[in-house]
Amino acid sequence: MADTVFFVAVGIAVLALLLSGIRFALGPWAVDRTVALDAMTILATSLIVAFALLSGRRIYIDVAMVYGLVGFAGVVAVARYLEGGL
C-alpha cells in the first residue's frame, strides 16, 4: 500500500513538473516564468529526494539540499533583478 502511494505521489510530482515547464515556456511575463522556474526547482528537489528514498542512497539527500539552496538563491537573484535592485 505504501509503495502505491509513493509511486502515485511521484507521478503527480512529474505531472506538476511538466505543467510548470509549460507555464515556463508560455508565460507572458518574466514574473510568471520566475514563479514557474521556482516551482520546477521545488518539484525537482522532491523528485531527487524520492529517488534517494527509492534507491536507499543518502548522498542524493545532500544533492537535493544543495540543489534547493542554489535554486532558492537563483530565484532571489532574479526577483531582485526584476525589481530593479540588482
PDB file of N, CA and C in Angstrom:
ATOM      1  N   MET A   1       0.821  -1.195   0.000  1.00  0.00           N
ATOM      2  CA  MET A   1       0.000   0.000   0.000  1.00  0.00           C
ATOM      3  C   MET A   1       0.863   1.255   0.000  1.00  0.00           C
ATOM      4  N   ALA A   2       1.908   1.258   0.826  1.00  0.00           N
ATOM      5  CA  ALA A   2       2.777   2.436   0.908  1.00  0.00           C
ATOM      6  C   ALA A   2       3.531   2.646  -0.399  1.00  0.00           C
ATOM      7  N   ASP A   3       3.901   1.542  -1.065  1.00  0.00           N
ATOM      8  CA  ASP A   3       4.582   1.679  -2.354  1.00  0.00           C
ATOM      9  C   ASP A   3       3.673   2.309  -3.391  1.00  0.00           C
ATOM     10  N   THR A   4       2.417   1.938  -3.376  1.00  0.00           N
ATOM     11  CA  THR A   4       1.466   2.509  -4.325  1.00  0.00           C
ATOM     12  C   THR A   4       1.305   4.005  -4.101  1.00  0.00           C
ATOM     13  N   VAL A   5       1.173   4.401  -2.861  1.00  0.00           N
ATOM     14  CA  VAL A   5       1.040   5.824  -2.539  1.00  0.00           C
ATOM     15  C   VAL A   5       2.296   6.577  -2.955  1.00  0.00           C
ATOM     16  N   PHE A   6       3.460   5.976  -2.723  1.00  0.00           N
ATOM     17  CA  PHE A   6       4.726   6.596  -3.103  1.00  0.00           C
ATOM     18  C   PHE A   6       4.790   6.828  -4.609  1.00  0.00           C
ATOM     19  N   PHE A   7       4.457   5.818  -5.395  1.00  0.00           N
ATOM     20  CA  PHE A   7       4.538   5.955  -6.850  1.00  0.00           C
ATOM     21  C   PHE A   7       3.473   6.898  -7.398  1.00  0.00           C
ATOM     22  N   VAL A   8       2.314   6.945  -6.776  1.00  0.00           N
ATOM     23  CA  VAL A   8       1.290   7.914  -7.183  1.00  0.00           C
ATOM     24  C   VAL A   8       1.777   9.328  -6.897  1.00  0.00           C
ATOM     25  N   ALA A   9       2.403   9.533  -5.747  1.00  0.00           N
ATOM     26  CA  ALA A   9       2.934  10.857  -5.405  1.00  0.00           C
ATOM     27  C   ALA A   9       4.033  11.275  -6.375  1.00  0.00           C
ATOM     28  N   VAL A  10       4.894  10.348  -6.754  1.00  0.00           N
ATOM     29  CA  VAL A  10       5.942  10.659  -7.732  1.00  0.00           C
ATOM     30  C   VAL A  10       5.315  10.989  -9.083  1.00  0.00           C
ATOM     31  N   GLY A  11       4.296  10.262  -9.473  1.00  0.00           N
ATOM     32  CA  GLY A  11       3.611  10.555 -10.732  1.00  0.00           C
ATOM     33  C   GLY A  11       2.965  11.928 -10.730  1.00  0.00           C
ATOM     34  N   ILE A  12       2.360  12.296  -9.623  1.00  0.00           N
ATOM     35  CA  ILE A  12       1.754  13.627  -9.512  1.00  0.00           C
ATOM     36  C   ILE A  12       2.828  14.703  -9.569  1.00  0.00           C
ATOM     37  N   ALA A  13       3.968  14.458  -8.932  1.00  0.00           N
ATOM     38  CA  ALA A  13       5.065  15.434  -8.966  1.00  0.00           C
ATOM     39  C   ALA A  13       5.617  15.588 -10.381  1.00  0.00           C
ATOM     40  N   VAL A  14       5.727  14.493 -11.112  1.00  0.00           N
ATOM     41  CA  VAL A  14       6.201  14.571 -12.501  1.00  0.00           C
ATOM     42  C   VAL A  14       5.200  15.335 -13.357  1.00  0.00           C
ATOM     43  N   LEU A  15       3.919  15.077 -13.173  1.00  0.00           N
ATOM     44  CA  LEU A  15       2.895  15.806 -13.916  1.00  0.00           C
ATOM     45  C   LEU A  15       2.943  17.295 -13.598  1.00  0.00           C
ATOM     46  N   ALA A  16       3.093  17.630 -12.327  1.00  0.00           N
ATOM     47  CA  ALA A  16       3.197  19.037 -11.937  1.00  0.00           C
ATOM     48  C   ALA A  16       4.453  19.674 -12.515  1.00  0.00           C
ATOM     49  N   LEU A  17       5.539  18.921 -12.599  1.00  0.00           N
ATOM     50  CA  LEU A  17       6.771  19.429 -13.196  1.00  0.00           C
ATOM     51  C   LEU A  17       6.568  19.723 -14.680  1.00  0.00           C
ATOM     52  N   LEU A  18       5.872  18.850 -15.369  1.00  0.00           N
ATOM     53  CA  LEU A  18       5.586  19.083 -16.788  1.00  0.00           C
ATOM     54  C   LEU A  18       4.684  20.299 -16.984  1.00  0.00           C
ATOM     55  N   LEU A  19       3.678  20.440 -16.152  1.00  0.00           N
ATOM     56  CA  LEU A  19       2.791  21.599 -16.259  1.00  0.00           C
ATOM     57  C   LEU A  19       3.523  22.899 -15.933  1.00  0.00           C
ATOM     58  N   SER A  20       4.429  22.844 -14.980  1.00  0.00           N
ATOM     59  CA  SER A  20       5.233  24.031 -14.674  1.00  0.00           C
ATOM     60  C   SER A  20       6.165  24.364 -15.830  1.00  0.00           C
ATOM     61  N   GLY A  21       6.672  23.345 -16.493  1.00  0.00           N
ATOM     62  CA  GLY A  21       7.508  23.579 -17.673  1.00  0.00           C
ATOM     63  C   GLY A  21       6.737  24.244 -18.795  1.00  0.00           C
ATOM     64  N   ILE A  22       5.487  23.853 -18.958  1.00  0.00           N
ATOM     65  CA  ILE A  22       4.643  24.501 -19.967  1.00  0.00           C
ATOM     66  C   ILE A  22       4.393  25.946 -19.588  1.00  0.00           C
ATOM     67  N   ARG A  23       4.143  26.187 -18.307  1.00  0.00           N
ATOM     68  CA  ARG A  23       3.933  27.569 -17.845  1.00  0.00           C
ATOM     69  C   ARG A  23       5.201  28.399 -18.027  1.00  0.00           C
ATOM     70  N   PHE A  24       6.349  27.779 -17.808  1.00  0.00           N
ATOM     71  CA  PHE A  24       7.617  28.476 -18.006  1.00  0.00           C
ATOM     72  C   PHE A  24       7.803  28.846 -19.474  1.00  0.00           C
ATOM     73  N   ALA A  25       7.426  27.953 -20.370  1.00  0.00           N
ATOM     74  CA  ALA A  25       7.601  28.214 -21.798  1.00  0.00           C
ATOM     75  C   ALA A  25       6.593  29.227 -22.325  1.00  0.00           C
ATOM     76  N   LEU A  26       5.377  29.224 -21.790  1.00  0.00           N
ATOM     77  CA  LEU A  26       4.316  30.074 -22.328  1.00  0.00           C
ATOM     78  C   LEU A  26       4.046  31.331 -21.522  1.00  0.00           C
ATOM     79  N   GLY A  27       4.704  31.476 -20.372  1.00  0.00           N
ATOM     80  CA  GLY A  27       4.429  32.627 -19.510  1.00  0.00           C
ATOM     81  C   GLY A  27       4.674  33.943 -20.224  1.00  0.00           C
ATOM     82  N   PRO A  28       3.687  34.828 -20.221  1.00  0.00           N
ATOM     83  CA  PRO A  28       3.866  36.069 -20.984  1.00  0.00           C
ATOM     84  C   PRO A  28       4.812  37.059 -20.309  1.00  0.00           C
ATOM     85  N   TRP A  29       4.973  36.975 -19.001  1.00  0.00           N
ATOM     86  CA  TRP A  29       5.824  37.928 -18.290  1.00  0.00           C
ATOM     87  C   TRP A  29       6.963  37.200 -17.594  1.00  0.00           C
ATOM     88  N   ALA A  30       7.987  37.950 -17.278  1.00  0.00           N
ATOM     89  CA  ALA A  30       9.152  37.367 -16.609  1.00  0.00           C
ATOM     90  C   ALA A  30       8.806  36.864 -15.210  1.00  0.00           C
ATOM     91  N   VAL A  31       7.862  37.517 -14.557  1.00  0.00           N
ATOM     92  CA  VAL A  31       7.466  37.078 -13.215  1.00  0.00           C
ATOM     93  C   VAL A  31       6.804  35.701 -13.281  1.00  0.00           C
ATOM     94  N   ASP A  32       5.970  35.471 -14.294  1.00  0.00           N
ATOM     95  CA  ASP A  32       5.351  34.153 -14.463  1.00  0.00           C
ATOM     96  C   ASP A  32       6.408  33.076 -14.671  1.00  0.00           C
ATOM     97  N   ARG A  33       7.396  33.395 -15.476  1.00  0.00           N
ATOM     98  CA  ARG A  33       8.464  32.429 -15.728  1.00  0.00           C
ATOM     99  C   ARG A  33       9.289  32.170 -14.472  1.00  0.00           C
ATOM    100  N   THR A  34       9.497  33.208 -13.676  1.00  0.00           N
ATOM    101  CA  THR A  34      10.261  33.042 -12.441  1.00  0.00           C
ATOM    102  C   THR A  34       9.519  32.151 -11.451  1.00  0.00           C
ATOM    103  N   VAL A  35       8.232  32.356 -11.314  1.00  0.00           N
ATOM    104  CA  VAL A  35       7.433  31.520 -10.406  1.00  0.00           C
ATOM    105  C   VAL A  35       7.395  30.078 -10.911  1.00  0.00           C
ATOM    106  N   ALA A  36       7.259  29.895 -12.218  1.00  0.00           N
ATOM    107  CA  ALA A  36       7.260  28.542 -12.778  1.00  0.00           C
ATOM    108  C   ALA A  36       8.613  27.867 -12.569  1.00  0.00           C
ATOM    109  N   LEU A  37       9.691  28.622 -12.730  1.00  0.00           N
ATOM    110  CA  LEU A  37      11.018  28.060 -12.506  1.00  0.00           C
ATOM    111  C   LEU A  37      11.216  27.675 -11.044  1.00  0.00           C
ATOM    112  N   ASP A  38      10.701  28.483 -10.133  1.00  0.00           N
ATOM    113  CA  ASP A  38      10.783  28.155  -8.710  1.00  0.00           C
ATOM    114  C   ASP A  38       9.988  26.887  -8.411  1.00  0.00           C
ATOM    115  N   ALA A  39       8.807  26.769  -8.988  1.00  0.00           N
ATOM    116  CA  ALA A  39       8.005  25.557  -8.788  1.00  0.00           C
ATOM    117  C   ALA A  39       8.721  24.333  -9.354  1.00  0.00           C
ATOM    118  N   MET A  40       9.354  24.495 -10.510  1.00  0.00           N
ATOM    119  CA  MET A  40      10.091  23.383 -11.101  1.00  0.00           C
ATOM    120  C   MET A  40      11.273  22.974 -10.227  1.00  0.00           C
ATOM    121  N   THR A  41      11.930  23.942  -9.618  1.00  0.00           N
ATOM    122  CA  THR A  41      13.048  23.639  -8.726  1.00  0.00           C
ATOM    123  C   THR A  41      12.572  22.860  -7.506  1.00  0.00           C
ATOM    124  N   ILE A  42      11.465  23.285  -6.930  1.00  0.00           N
ATOM    125  CA  ILE A  42      10.921  22.589  -5.760  1.00  0.00           C
ATOM    126  C   ILE A  42      10.499  21.168  -6.126  1.00  0.00           C
ATOM    127  N   LEU A  43       9.850  21.019  -7.264  1.00  0.00           N
ATOM    128  CA  LEU A  43       9.407  19.687  -7.679  1.00  0.00           C
ATOM    129  C   LEU A  43      10.585  18.784  -8.023  1.00  0.00           C
ATOM    130  N   ALA A  44      11.604  19.331  -8.665  1.00  0.00           N
ATOM    131  CA  ALA A  44      12.788  18.527  -8.969  1.00  0.00           C
ATOM    132  C   ALA A  44      13.498  18.097  -7.689  1.00  0.00           C
ATOM    133  N   THR A  45      13.533  18.987  -6.709  1.00  0.00           N
ATOM    134  CA  THR A  45      14.130  18.636  -5.420  1.00  0.00           C
ATOM    135  C   THR A  45      13.355  17.500  -4.760  1.00  0.00           C
ATOM    136  N   SER A  46      12.035  17.569  -4.826  1.00  0.00           N
ATOM    137  CA  SER A  46      11.233  16.492  -4.230  1.00  0.00           C
ATOM    138  C   SER A  46      11.427  15.176  -4.980  1.00  0.00           C
ATOM    139  N   LEU A  47      11.616  15.233  -6.288  1.00  0.00           N
ATOM    140  CA  LEU A  47      11.865  14.005  -7.043  1.00  0.00           C
ATOM    141  C   LEU A  47      13.243  13.423  -6.731  1.00  0.00           C
ATOM    142  N   ILE A  48      14.227  14.283  -6.496  1.00  0.00           N
ATOM    143  CA  ILE A  48      15.547  13.789  -6.095  1.00  0.00           C
ATOM    144  C   ILE A  48      15.456  13.086  -4.738  1.00  0.00           C
ATOM    145  N   VAL A  49      14.695  13.668  -3.821  1.00  0.00           N
ATOM    146  CA  VAL A  49      14.506  13.038  -2.508  1.00  0.00           C
ATOM    147  C   VAL A  49      13.761  11.711  -2.660  1.00  0.00           C
ATOM    148  N   ALA A  50      12.765  11.675  -3.526  1.00  0.00           N
ATOM    149  CA  ALA A  50      12.039  10.424  -3.757  1.00  0.00           C
ATOM    150  C   ALA A  50      12.967   9.357  -4.329  1.00  0.00           C
ATOM    151  N   PHE A  51      13.852   9.766  -5.228  1.00  0.00           N
ATOM    152  CA  PHE A  51      14.817   8.807  -5.775  1.00  0.00           C
ATOM    153  C   PHE A  51      15.769   8.318  -4.689  1.00  0.00           C
ATOM    154  N   ALA A  52      16.151   9.220  -3.784  1.00  0.00           N
ATOM    155  CA  ALA A  52      17.024   8.818  -2.675  1.00  0.00           C
ATOM    156  C   ALA A  52      16.329   7.790  -1.791  1.00  0.00           C
ATOM    157  N   LEU A  53      15.052   7.990  -1.530  1.00  0.00           N
ATOM    158  CA  LEU A  53      14.307   7.024  -0.722  1.00  0.00           C
ATOM    159  C   LEU A  53      14.160   5.692  -1.442  1.00  0.00           C
ATOM    160  N   LEU A  54      13.934   5.759  -2.744  1.00  0.00           N
ATOM    161  CA  LEU A  54      13.743   4.543  -3.526  1.00  0.00           C
ATOM    162  C   LEU A  54      15.037   3.744  -3.643  1.00  0.00           C
ATOM    163  N   SER A  55      16.147   4.437  -3.862  1.00  0.00           N
ATOM    164  CA  SER A  55      17.418   3.743  -4.051  1.00  0.00           C
ATOM    165  C   SER A  55      18.118   3.413  -2.737  1.00  0.00           C
ATOM    166  N   GLY A  56      17.751   4.111  -1.661  1.00  0.00           N
ATOM    167  CA  GLY A  56      18.383   3.863  -0.377  1.00  0.00           C
ATOM    168  C   GLY A  56      19.754   4.492  -0.232  1.00  0.00           C
ATOM    169  N   ARG A  57      20.098   5.435  -1.094  1.00  0.00           N
ATOM    170  CA  ARG A  57      21.401   6.101  -1.040  1.00  0.00           C
ATOM    171  C   ARG A  57      21.226   7.488  -0.456  1.00  0.00           C
ATOM    172  N   ARG A  58      21.932   7.757   0.623  1.00  0.00           N
ATOM    173  CA  ARG A  58      21.787   9.027   1.338  1.00  0.00           C
ATOM    174  C   ARG A  58      22.443  10.201   0.622  1.00  0.00           C
ATOM    175  N   ILE A  59      23.364   9.943  -0.263  1.00  0.00           N
ATOM    176  CA  ILE A  59      24.087  11.033  -0.916  1.00  0.00           C
ATOM    177  C   ILE A  59      23.136  11.911  -1.728  1.00  0.00           C
ATOM    178  N   TYR A  60      22.049  11.338  -2.217  1.00  0.00           N
ATOM    179  CA  TYR A  60      21.101  12.117  -3.010  1.00  0.00           C
ATOM    180  C   TYR A  60      20.343  13.133  -2.165  1.00  0.00           C
ATOM    181  N   ILE A  61      20.230  12.891  -0.879  1.00  0.00           N
ATOM    182  CA  ILE A  61      19.620  13.883   0.013  1.00  0.00           C
ATOM    183  C   ILE A  61      20.491  15.137   0.050  1.00  0.00           C
ATOM    184  N   ASP A  62      21.810  14.938   0.112  1.00  0.00           N
ATOM    185  CA  ASP A  62      22.725  16.080   0.079  1.00  0.00           C
ATOM    186  C   ASP A  62      22.633  16.820  -1.250  1.00  0.00           C
ATOM    187  N   VAL A  63      22.531  16.067  -2.323  1.00  0.00           N
ATOM    188  CA  VAL A  63      22.383  16.684  -3.645  1.00  0.00           C
ATOM    189  C   VAL A  63      21.101  17.505  -3.701  1.00  0.00           C
ATOM    190  N   ALA A  64      20.024  16.978  -3.151  1.00  0.00           N
ATOM    191  CA  ALA A  64      18.751  17.700  -3.148  1.00  0.00           C
ATOM    192  C   ALA A  64      18.841  18.973  -2.322  1.00  0.00           C
ATOM    193  N   MET A  65      19.545  18.917  -1.198  1.00  0.00           N
ATOM    194  CA  MET A  65      19.684  20.114  -0.367  1.00  0.00           C
ATOM    195  C   MET A  65      20.479  21.194  -1.089  1.00  0.00           C
ATOM    196  N   VAL A  66      21.560  20.816  -1.743  1.00  0.00           N
ATOM    197  CA  VAL A  66      22.363  21.791  -2.488  1.00  0.00           C
ATOM    198  C   VAL A  66      21.568  22.342  -3.662  1.00  0.00           C
ATOM    199  N   TYR A  67      20.850  21.475  -4.360  1.00  0.00           N
ATOM    200  CA  TYR A  67      20.042  21.922  -5.496  1.00  0.00           C
ATOM    201  C   TYR A  67      18.949  22.887  -5.044  1.00  0.00           C
ATOM    202  N   GLY A  68      18.322  22.600  -3.934  1.00  0.00           N
ATOM    203  CA  GLY A  68      17.298  23.500  -3.401  1.00  0.00           C
ATOM    204  C   GLY A  68      17.869  24.838  -2.985  1.00  0.00           C
ATOM    205  N   LEU A  69      19.042  24.828  -2.374  1.00  0.00           N
ATOM    206  CA  LEU A  69      19.684  26.076  -1.955  1.00  0.00           C
ATOM    207  C   LEU A  69      20.093  26.921  -3.153  1.00  0.00           C
ATOM    208  N   VAL A  70      20.673  26.291  -4.161  1.00  0.00           N
ATOM    209  CA  VAL A  70      21.061  27.022  -5.371  1.00  0.00           C
ATOM    210  C   VAL A  70      19.825  27.541  -6.097  1.00  0.00           C
ATOM    211  N   GLY A  71      18.771  26.742  -6.146  1.00  0.00           N
ATOM    212  CA  GLY A  71      17.531  27.193  -6.775  1.00  0.00           C
ATOM    213  C   GLY A  71      16.918  28.375  -6.057  1.00  0.00           C
ATOM    214  N   PHE A  72      16.926  28.334  -4.730  1.00  0.00           N
ATOM    215  CA  PHE A  72      16.397  29.454  -3.952  1.00  0.00           C
ATOM    216  C   PHE A  72      17.217  30.714  -4.189  1.00  0.00           C
ATOM    217  N   ALA A  73      18.534  30.585  -4.168  1.00  0.00           N
ATOM    218  CA  ALA A  73      19.395  31.749  -4.397  1.00  0.00           C
ATOM    219  C   ALA A  73      19.185  32.311  -5.798  1.00  0.00           C
ATOM    220  N   GLY A  74      18.982  31.437  -6.763  1.00  0.00           N
ATOM    221  CA  GLY A  74      18.730  31.898  -8.128  1.00  0.00           C
ATOM    222  C   GLY A  74      17.422  32.657  -8.253  1.00  0.00           C
ATOM    223  N   VAL A  75      16.386  32.173  -7.613  1.00  0.00           N
ATOM    224  CA  VAL A  75      15.090  32.850  -7.669  1.00  0.00           C
ATOM    225  C   VAL A  75      15.162  34.198  -6.962  1.00  0.00           C
ATOM    226  N   VAL A  76      15.873  34.257  -5.847  1.00  0.00           N
ATOM    227  CA  VAL A  76      16.034  35.535  -5.149  1.00  0.00           C
ATOM    228  C   VAL A  76      16.802  36.521  -6.022  1.00  0.00           C
ATOM    229  N   ALA A  77      17.835  36.053  -6.708  1.00  0.00           N
ATOM    230  CA  ALA A  77      18.609  36.933  -7.587  1.00  0.00           C
ATOM    231  C   ALA A  77      17.761  37.443  -8.749  1.00  0.00           C
ATOM    232  N   VAL A  78      16.967  36.579  -9.340  1.00  0.00           N
ATOM    233  CA  VAL A  78      16.102  37.004 -10.447  1.00  0.00           C
ATOM    234  C   VAL A  78      15.046  37.977  -9.951  1.00  0.00           C
ATOM    235  N   ALA A  79      14.486  37.725  -8.781  1.00  0.00           N
ATOM    236  CA  ALA A  79      13.481  38.635  -8.223  1.00  0.00           C
ATOM    237  C   ALA A  79      14.084  40.005  -7.942  1.00  0.00           C
ATOM    238  N   ARG A  80      15.290  40.026  -7.409  1.00  0.00           N
ATOM    239  CA  ARG A  80      15.956  41.313  -7.159  1.00  0.00           C
ATOM    240  C   ARG A  80      16.242  42.038  -8.472  1.00  0.00           C
ATOM    241  N   TYR A  81      16.625  41.295  -9.498  1.00  0.00           N
ATOM    242  CA  TYR A  81      16.889  41.898 -10.803  1.00  0.00           C
ATOM    243  C   TYR A  81      15.613  42.484 -11.400  1.00  0.00           C
ATOM    244  N   LEU A  82      14.524  41.731 -11.323  1.00  0.00           N
ATOM    245  CA  LEU A  82      13.257  42.209 -11.879  1.00  0.00           C
ATOM    246  C   LEU A  82      12.720  43.406 -11.109  1.00  0.00           C
ATOM    247  N   GLU A  83      13.035  43.470  -9.827  1.00  0.00           N
ATOM    248  CA  GLU A  83      12.606  44.598  -9.012  1.00  0.00           C
ATOM    249  C   GLU A  83      13.435  45.842  -9.314  1.00  0.00           C
ATOM    250  N   GLY A  84      14.604  45.643  -9.872  1.00  0.00           N
ATOM    251  CA  GLY A  84      15.478  46.763 -10.203  1.00  0.00           C
ATOM    252  C   GLY A  84      16.509  47.045  -9.140  1.00  0.00           C
ATOM    253  N   GLY A  85      16.676  46.145  -8.187  1.00  0.00           N
ATOM    254  CA  GLY A  85      17.604  46.378  -7.093  1.00  0.00           C
ATOM    255  C   GLY A  85      18.933  45.683  -7.255  1.00  0.00           C
ATOM    256  N   LEU A  86      19.170  45.032  -8.371  1.00  0.00           N
ATOM    257  CA  LEU A  86      20.419  44.302  -8.541  1.00  0.00           C
ATOM    258  C   LEU A  86      21.291  44.964  -9.562  1.00  0.00           C
TER     259      LEU A  86
END
